[in-house]
């Protein structure tokens, strides 16, 4: 994947929320009976300018 800012080749990196869990996206529950909707985050980093792009790995999993 090419960087949209400087056209360098980007690499995939881990984006960590804390020591126990990687960063995740969540959708707010409609009620206490609903299960959490979650998906992981894919991070691409430009080694030249530092630009970062984030993508949901399973966006349909958190669709309202």
N, C-alpha and C. Protein backbone atom coordinates (compact mmCIF):
# COMPACT_ATOMS: atom_id res chain seq x y z
N UNK A 1 0.85 -1.17 0.00
CA UNK A 1 0.00 0.00 0.00
C UNK A 1 0.90 1.24 0.00
N UNK A 2 0.56 2.19 -0.86
CA UNK A 2 1.32 3.43 -0.96
C UNK A 2 0.73 4.51 -0.06
N UNK A 3 1.59 5.31 0.53
CA UNK A 3 1.16 6.43 1.37
C UNK A 3 0.51 7.50 0.50
N UNK A 4 -0.64 8.00 0.92
CA UNK A 4 -1.33 9.03 0.15
C UNK A 4 -0.69 10.41 0.33
N UNK A 5 0.21 10.56 1.29
CA UNK A 5 0.87 11.84 1.55
C UNK A 5 2.20 11.99 0.79
N UNK A 6 3.01 10.91 0.79
CA UNK A 6 4.35 11.02 0.20
C UNK A 6 4.69 9.90 -0.79
N UNK A 7 3.77 8.96 -1.00
CA UNK A 7 3.90 7.88 -1.98
C UNK A 7 4.92 6.80 -1.59
N UNK A 8 5.37 6.79 -0.34
CA UNK A 8 6.28 5.72 0.12
C UNK A 8 5.48 4.45 0.38
N UNK A 9 6.14 3.31 0.41
CA UNK A 9 5.48 2.04 0.69
C UNK A 9 5.19 1.93 2.19
N UNK A 10 3.93 1.73 2.55
CA UNK A 10 3.54 1.63 3.95
C UNK A 10 3.68 0.18 4.43
N UNK A 11 3.80 -0.01 5.74
CA UNK A 11 3.85 -1.34 6.32
C UNK A 11 2.76 -1.49 7.36
N UNK A 12 2.37 -2.73 7.64
CA UNK A 12 1.35 -3.02 8.64
C UNK A 12 2.00 -3.11 10.01
N UNK A 13 1.37 -2.50 11.00
CA UNK A 13 1.89 -2.51 12.38
C UNK A 13 0.77 -2.85 13.34
N UNK A 14 1.12 -3.25 14.54
CA UNK A 14 0.14 -3.51 15.58
C UNK A 14 -0.15 -2.22 16.33
N UNK A 15 -1.43 -1.96 16.55
CA UNK A 15 -1.86 -0.81 17.32
C UNK A 15 -2.41 -1.36 18.63
N UNK A 16 -1.79 -1.02 19.75
CA UNK A 16 -2.13 -1.62 21.02
C UNK A 16 -2.84 -0.64 21.93
N UNK A 17 -3.94 -1.09 22.53
CA UNK A 17 -4.69 -0.25 23.46
C UNK A 17 -4.09 -0.29 24.86
N UNK A 18 -3.68 -1.48 25.29
CA UNK A 18 -3.01 -1.64 26.58
C UNK A 18 -2.23 -2.95 26.56
N UNK A 19 -1.65 -3.32 27.65
CA UNK A 19 -0.80 -4.51 27.68
C UNK A 19 -1.58 -5.81 27.50
N UNK A 20 -2.87 -5.81 27.78
CA UNK A 20 -3.66 -7.03 27.71
C UNK A 20 -4.42 -7.21 26.40
N UNK A 21 -4.87 -6.12 25.78
CA UNK A 21 -5.73 -6.21 24.61
C UNK A 21 -5.28 -5.26 23.51
N UNK A 22 -5.36 -5.74 22.26
CA UNK A 22 -5.15 -4.85 21.13
C UNK A 22 -6.33 -3.90 21.03
N UNK A 23 -6.17 -2.81 20.35
CA UNK A 23 -7.24 -1.85 20.17
C UNK A 23 -8.38 -2.49 19.39
N UNK A 24 -9.61 -2.28 19.84
CA UNK A 24 -10.78 -2.82 19.16
C UNK A 24 -11.81 -1.73 18.97
N UNK A 25 -12.63 -1.88 17.94
CA UNK A 25 -13.78 -1.00 17.73
C UNK A 25 -14.99 -1.66 18.36
N UNK A 26 -15.83 -0.87 18.99
CA UNK A 26 -17.06 -1.42 19.56
C UNK A 26 -18.25 -0.57 19.14
N UNK A 27 -19.41 -1.20 19.06
CA UNK A 27 -20.65 -0.50 18.76
C UNK A 27 -21.47 -0.48 20.04
N UNK A 28 -22.04 0.66 20.37
CA UNK A 28 -22.83 0.80 21.59
C UNK A 28 -24.02 -0.15 21.58
N UNK A 29 -24.23 -0.80 22.71
CA UNK A 29 -25.37 -1.72 22.84
C UNK A 29 -26.67 -0.94 22.86
N UNK A 30 -27.72 -1.55 22.28
CA UNK A 30 -29.04 -0.93 22.31
C UNK A 30 -29.73 -1.19 23.64
N UNK A 31 -29.39 -2.32 24.27
CA UNK A 31 -29.96 -2.63 25.58
C UNK A 31 -28.99 -3.53 26.33
N UNK A 32 -29.25 -3.77 27.60
CA UNK A 32 -28.38 -4.62 28.40
C UNK A 32 -28.41 -6.07 27.92
N UNK A 33 -29.43 -6.44 27.15
CA UNK A 33 -29.56 -7.82 26.66
C UNK A 33 -28.76 -8.06 25.38
N UNK A 34 -28.35 -6.99 24.71
CA UNK A 34 -27.58 -7.13 23.48
C UNK A 34 -26.12 -7.43 23.78
N UNK A 35 -25.51 -8.21 22.91
CA UNK A 35 -24.08 -8.51 23.03
C UNK A 35 -23.27 -7.35 22.44
N UNK A 36 -22.05 -7.16 22.92
CA UNK A 36 -21.15 -6.16 22.35
C UNK A 36 -20.83 -6.53 20.91
N UNK A 37 -20.78 -5.53 20.05
CA UNK A 37 -20.33 -5.73 18.67
C UNK A 37 -18.90 -5.22 18.62
N UNK A 38 -17.98 -6.07 18.17
CA UNK A 38 -16.56 -5.71 18.17
C UNK A 38 -15.87 -6.14 16.89
N UNK A 39 -14.80 -5.44 16.55
CA UNK A 39 -13.89 -5.89 15.49
C UNK A 39 -12.53 -5.27 15.75
N UNK A 40 -11.52 -5.89 15.20
CA UNK A 40 -10.15 -5.43 15.37
C UNK A 40 -9.83 -4.25 14.45
N UNK A 41 -8.64 -3.71 14.62
CA UNK A 41 -8.18 -2.57 13.84
C UNK A 41 -6.88 -2.94 13.13
N UNK A 42 -6.82 -2.66 11.83
CA UNK A 42 -5.61 -2.86 11.04
C UNK A 42 -4.95 -1.49 10.88
N UNK A 43 -3.66 -1.43 11.14
CA UNK A 43 -2.92 -0.16 11.10
C UNK A 43 -1.82 -0.23 10.04
N UNK A 44 -1.80 0.77 9.15
CA UNK A 44 -0.73 0.91 8.15
C UNK A 44 0.04 2.18 8.47
N UNK A 45 1.38 2.10 8.45
CA UNK A 45 2.24 3.21 8.83
C UNK A 45 3.22 3.54 7.71
N UNK A 46 3.39 4.82 7.44
CA UNK A 46 4.39 5.25 6.46
C UNK A 46 5.72 5.44 7.18
N UNK A 47 6.79 4.77 6.72
CA UNK A 47 8.08 4.90 7.39
C UNK A 47 8.77 6.23 7.10
N UNK A 48 8.32 6.97 6.09
CA UNK A 48 8.97 8.23 5.73
C UNK A 48 8.34 9.44 6.42
N UNK A 49 7.02 9.58 6.33
CA UNK A 49 6.38 10.78 6.88
C UNK A 49 5.59 10.52 8.16
N UNK A 50 5.37 9.24 8.51
CA UNK A 50 4.68 8.91 9.75
C UNK A 50 3.16 8.87 9.64
N UNK A 51 2.63 9.06 8.44
CA UNK A 51 1.18 9.01 8.25
C UNK A 51 0.67 7.62 8.64
N UNK A 52 -0.52 7.57 9.28
CA UNK A 52 -1.12 6.30 9.73
C UNK A 52 -2.53 6.20 9.16
N UNK A 53 -2.87 5.01 8.63
CA UNK A 53 -4.24 4.72 8.21
C UNK A 53 -4.75 3.55 9.03
N UNK A 54 -5.99 3.67 9.50
CA UNK A 54 -6.63 2.63 10.30
C UNK A 54 -7.83 2.07 9.55
N UNK A 55 -7.99 0.75 9.60
CA UNK A 55 -9.12 0.08 8.97
C UNK A 55 -9.72 -0.92 9.94
N UNK A 56 -11.03 -1.04 9.91
CA UNK A 56 -11.72 -2.09 10.66
C UNK A 56 -11.49 -3.40 9.92
N UNK A 57 -11.06 -4.47 10.64
CA UNK A 57 -10.80 -5.73 9.95
C UNK A 57 -12.08 -6.47 9.57
N UNK A 58 -13.17 -6.24 10.32
CA UNK A 58 -14.47 -6.86 10.01
C UNK A 58 -15.57 -5.83 10.22
N UNK A 59 -15.69 -4.84 9.32
CA UNK A 59 -16.62 -3.74 9.54
C UNK A 59 -18.08 -4.18 9.64
N UNK A 60 -18.46 -5.26 8.98
CA UNK A 60 -19.84 -5.73 9.06
C UNK A 60 -20.19 -6.23 10.46
N UNK A 61 -19.17 -6.59 11.24
CA UNK A 61 -19.41 -7.08 12.60
C UNK A 61 -19.91 -5.99 13.54
N UNK A 62 -19.62 -4.73 13.23
CA UNK A 62 -20.05 -3.64 14.11
C UNK A 62 -21.14 -2.77 13.48
N UNK A 63 -21.63 -3.19 12.34
CA UNK A 63 -22.68 -2.42 11.66
C UNK A 63 -23.92 -2.34 12.55
N UNK A 64 -24.44 -1.12 12.74
CA UNK A 64 -25.62 -0.96 13.61
C UNK A 64 -26.86 -1.65 13.05
